[in-house]
Amino acid sequence: MQNFSKESLNITEEKLNKFKQLFPEVFSEGKVDFERLKLQ
């Protein structure tokens, strides 16, 4: 039997942070500004 950490991984938050590192200019007020993203 495997032991798992009691802390859950937040995959969505992790991916969003990576996206924010790659495209910081498309974020506005902590959220993705899809109009700015379309211009990229």
Protein backbone atom coordinates (compact mmCIF):
# COMPACT_ATOMS: atom_id res chain seq x y z
CA MET A 1 0.00 0.00 0.00
CA GLN A 2 1.34 3.41 -0.95
CA ASN A 3 1.44 6.35 1.41
CA PHE A 4 0.17 9.60 -0.05
CA SER A 5 0.76 13.10 1.22
CA LYS A 6 -2.24 14.60 2.94
CA GLU A 7 -1.62 17.82 1.02
CA SER A 8 -3.50 17.89 -2.26
CA LEU A 9 -1.80 19.21 -5.35
CA ASN A 10 -3.54 22.08 -7.02
CA ILE A 11 -2.69 21.32 -10.64
CA THR A 12 -4.76 24.20 -12.01
CA GLU A 13 -3.00 26.76 -9.84
CA GLU A 14 0.39 25.31 -10.76
CA LYS A 15 -0.36 25.54 -14.49
CA LEU A 16 -1.75 29.05 -14.10
CA ASN A 17 1.45 30.15 -12.37
CA LYS A 18 3.55 28.73 -15.21
CA PHE A 19 1.33 30.49 -17.75
CA LYS A 20 1.71 33.72 -15.76
CA GLN A 21 5.50 33.37 -15.96
CA LEU A 22 5.38 32.89 -19.73
CA PHE A 23 2.79 35.58 -20.51
CA PRO A 24 2.67 38.10 -17.65
CA GLU A 25 1.30 40.79 -19.99
CA VAL A 26 -2.02 38.98 -20.49
CA PHE A 27 -2.96 39.11 -16.80
CA SER A 28 -5.10 41.86 -15.39
CA GLU A 29 -6.13 41.96 -11.73
CA GLY A 30 -4.81 38.42 -11.28
CA LYS A 31 -6.96 36.98 -14.05
CA VAL A 32 -6.35 36.17 -17.70
CA ASP A 33 -7.41 39.03 -19.97
CA PHE A 34 -8.53 37.03 -23.01
CA GLU A 35 -8.61 40.11 -25.25
CA ARG A 36 -4.91 40.72 -24.53
CA LEU A 37 -4.21 37.02 -25.02
CA LYS A 38 -5.83 37.10 -28.48
CA LEU A 39 -3.43 39.90 -29.46
CA GLN A 40 -0.38 37.75 -28.64
